[in-house]
Amino acid sequence: MEYMSCPEAAKKWEISERRVQKLCEENRIPGVSKLGYMWLIPKNAKKPIDGRTKKGKGLQHE
């Protein structure tokens, strides 16, 4: 399986690197693993729905 780093995921998903790290810490990205201090995110992982917004909260319940 191929992996990408937090900076690569942040660029791909157009969010901050810190937000990607938080998503990893909260296990919101399937297949994520940690190697030392670096998060390994599967290249085919999709951007999780943002549960912080009203729109995102509505999508989580579908």
Protein backbone atom coordinates (compact mmCIF):
# COMPACT_ATOMS: atom_id res chain seq x y z
CA MET A 1 0.00 0.00 0.00
CA GLU A 2 1.23 3.49 -0.80
CA TYR A 3 1.18 6.23 1.81
CA MET A 4 1.33 10.01 1.93
CA SER A 5 2.48 12.34 4.69
CA CYS A 6 0.46 15.00 6.52
CA PRO A 7 1.82 17.83 4.33
CA GLU A 8 0.88 15.89 1.17
CA ALA A 9 -2.63 15.18 2.49
CA ALA A 10 -3.05 18.82 3.55
CA LYS A 11 -2.20 20.01 0.05
CA LYS A 12 -4.42 17.37 -1.60
CA TRP A 13 -7.42 18.11 0.64
CA GLU A 14 -6.79 21.89 0.83
CA ILE A 15 -6.71 22.03 4.64
CA SER A 16 -3.96 22.81 7.12
CA GLU A 17 -1.29 20.30 8.07
CA ARG A 18 -2.32 20.64 11.73
CA ARG A 19 -5.92 19.76 10.86
CA VAL A 20 -4.71 16.59 9.10
CA GLN A 21 -2.70 15.68 12.21
CA LYS A 22 -5.79 16.14 14.40
CA LEU A 23 -7.86 13.95 12.07
CA CYS A 24 -5.17 11.26 12.37
CA GLU A 25 -5.10 11.55 16.18
CA GLU A 26 -8.89 11.20 16.31
CA ASN A 27 -8.81 8.10 14.02
CA ARG A 28 -11.05 9.85 11.50
CA ILE A 29 -8.99 8.60 8.53
CA PRO A 30 -9.31 4.85 7.83
CA GLY A 31 -6.04 2.94 7.53
CA VAL A 32 -3.86 5.63 9.12
CA SER A 33 -0.83 4.55 11.13
CA LYS A 34 2.00 6.26 12.95
CA LEU A 35 5.69 5.57 12.41
CA GLY A 36 7.71 7.39 15.05
CA TYR A 37 6.49 10.97 14.90
CA MET A 38 5.16 10.73 11.31
CA TRP A 39 1.60 9.83 10.33
CA LEU A 40 1.23 7.51 7.33
CA ILE A 41 -2.01 8.13 5.44
CA PRO A 42 -3.12 5.78 2.63
CA LYS A 43 -2.88 7.56 -0.75
CA ASN A 44 -6.44 6.49 -1.62
CA ALA A 45 -7.91 7.88 1.66
CA LYS A 46 -10.75 10.34 1.23
CA LYS A 47 -11.01 13.60 3.13
CA PRO A 48 -13.21 13.06 6.22
CA ILE A 49 -16.41 15.08 6.57
CA ASP A 50 -15.88 18.15 8.74
CA GLY A 51 -18.04 17.57 11.80
CA ARG A 52 -17.31 21.07 13.14
CA THR A 53 -19.79 22.72 10.74
CA LYS A 54 -23.57 22.49 10.55
CA LYS A 55 -23.33 21.18 6.99
CA GLY A 56 -20.84 18.49 8.02
CA LYS A 57 -22.90 17.43 11.01
CA GLY A 58 -25.90 16.92 8.73
CA LEU A 59 -23.87 14.72 6.39
CA GLN A 60 -22.64 12.45 9.18
CA HIS A 61 -26.15 11.25 9.96
CA GLU A 62 -27.04 10.19 6.41
